[in-house]
């Protein structure tokens, strides 16, 4: 049971990371393909971070604090 919960957590993190970085591009490409012309359905915010990006940033900050 714990194995399935961990797998579900990993899948959630991967989906979040993929959608955060490439989601709007994929959605716009699929919508453009259906309509046969270039459309923008979802606009990308200038800077976005996924949960994985936030965790890595926090780990780097903690490691830097420990080195000092």
Protein backbone atom coordinates (compact mmCIF):
# COMPACT_ATOMS: atom_id res chain seq x y z
CA UNK A 1 0.00 0.00 0.00
CA UNK A 2 2.84 2.37 0.87
CA UNK A 3 4.44 1.55 -2.48
CA UNK A 4 1.30 2.68 -4.35
CA UNK A 5 1.11 5.90 -2.36
CA UNK A 6 4.76 6.67 -3.13
CA UNK A 7 4.24 5.88 -6.83
CA UNK A 8 1.19 8.14 -6.90
CA UNK A 9 3.25 10.94 -5.31
CA UNK A 10 6.03 10.53 -7.87
CA UNK A 11 3.51 10.54 -10.73
CA UNK A 12 1.92 13.72 -9.34
CA UNK A 13 5.33 15.44 -9.12
CA UNK A 14 6.20 14.45 -12.70
CA UNK A 15 2.86 15.63 -14.08
CA UNK A 16 3.20 18.92 -12.21
CA UNK A 17 6.74 19.43 -13.53
CA UNK A 18 5.83 18.61 -17.13
CA UNK A 19 2.70 20.78 -17.12
CA UNK A 20 4.49 23.70 -15.45
CA UNK A 21 7.27 23.79 -18.03
CA UNK A 22 5.60 22.58 -21.22
CA UNK A 23 1.84 22.59 -20.52
CA UNK A 24 0.78 25.84 -22.21
CA UNK A 25 2.89 25.00 -25.27
CA UNK A 26 1.29 21.56 -25.57
CA UNK A 27 -2.26 22.91 -25.06
CA UNK A 28 -1.75 25.64 -27.66
CA UNK A 29 -0.22 23.21 -30.16
CA UNK A 30 -3.12 20.74 -29.79
CA UNK A 31 -5.72 23.52 -30.07
CA UNK A 32 -3.98 24.92 -33.16
CA UNK A 33 -3.99 21.46 -34.71
CA UNK A 34 -7.73 21.07 -34.17
CA UNK A 35 -8.57 24.51 -35.54
CA UNK A 36 -6.09 24.42 -38.40
CA UNK A 37 -4.62 27.80 -37.54
CA UNK A 38 -2.33 29.25 -34.89
CA UNK A 39 -4.25 30.07 -31.70
CA UNK A 40 -3.27 30.91 -28.14
CA UNK A 41 -5.53 29.28 -25.58
CA UNK A 42 -3.21 29.46 -22.59
CA UNK A 43 -0.64 32.20 -22.09
CA UNK A 44 2.53 31.47 -20.19
CA UNK A 45 3.32 33.51 -17.11
CA UNK A 46 6.86 34.94 -17.21
CA UNK A 47 8.30 32.73 -14.46
CA UNK A 48 6.83 29.52 -13.12
CA UNK A 49 8.23 26.88 -10.80
CA UNK A 50 7.01 23.34 -10.30
CA UNK A 51 7.01 21.59 -6.94
CA UNK A 52 10.25 19.83 -7.91
CA UNK A 53 11.88 23.18 -8.78
CA UNK A 54 10.81 24.63 -5.43
CA UNK A 55 12.14 21.62 -3.53
CA UNK A 56 15.50 21.74 -5.34
CA UNK A 57 15.78 25.47 -4.68
CA UNK A 58 15.09 24.93 -0.97
CA UNK A 59 17.67 22.12 -0.76
CA UNK A 60 20.31 24.29 -2.46
CA UNK A 61 19.62 27.15 -0.05
CA UNK A 62 19.92 24.85 2.97
CA UNK A 63 23.15 23.31 1.69
CA UNK A 64 24.60 26.78 1.11
CA UNK A 65 23.62 27.82 4.65
CA UNK A 66 25.30 24.71 6.08
CA UNK A 67 28.52 25.39 4.15
CA UNK A 68 28.85 28.86 5.67
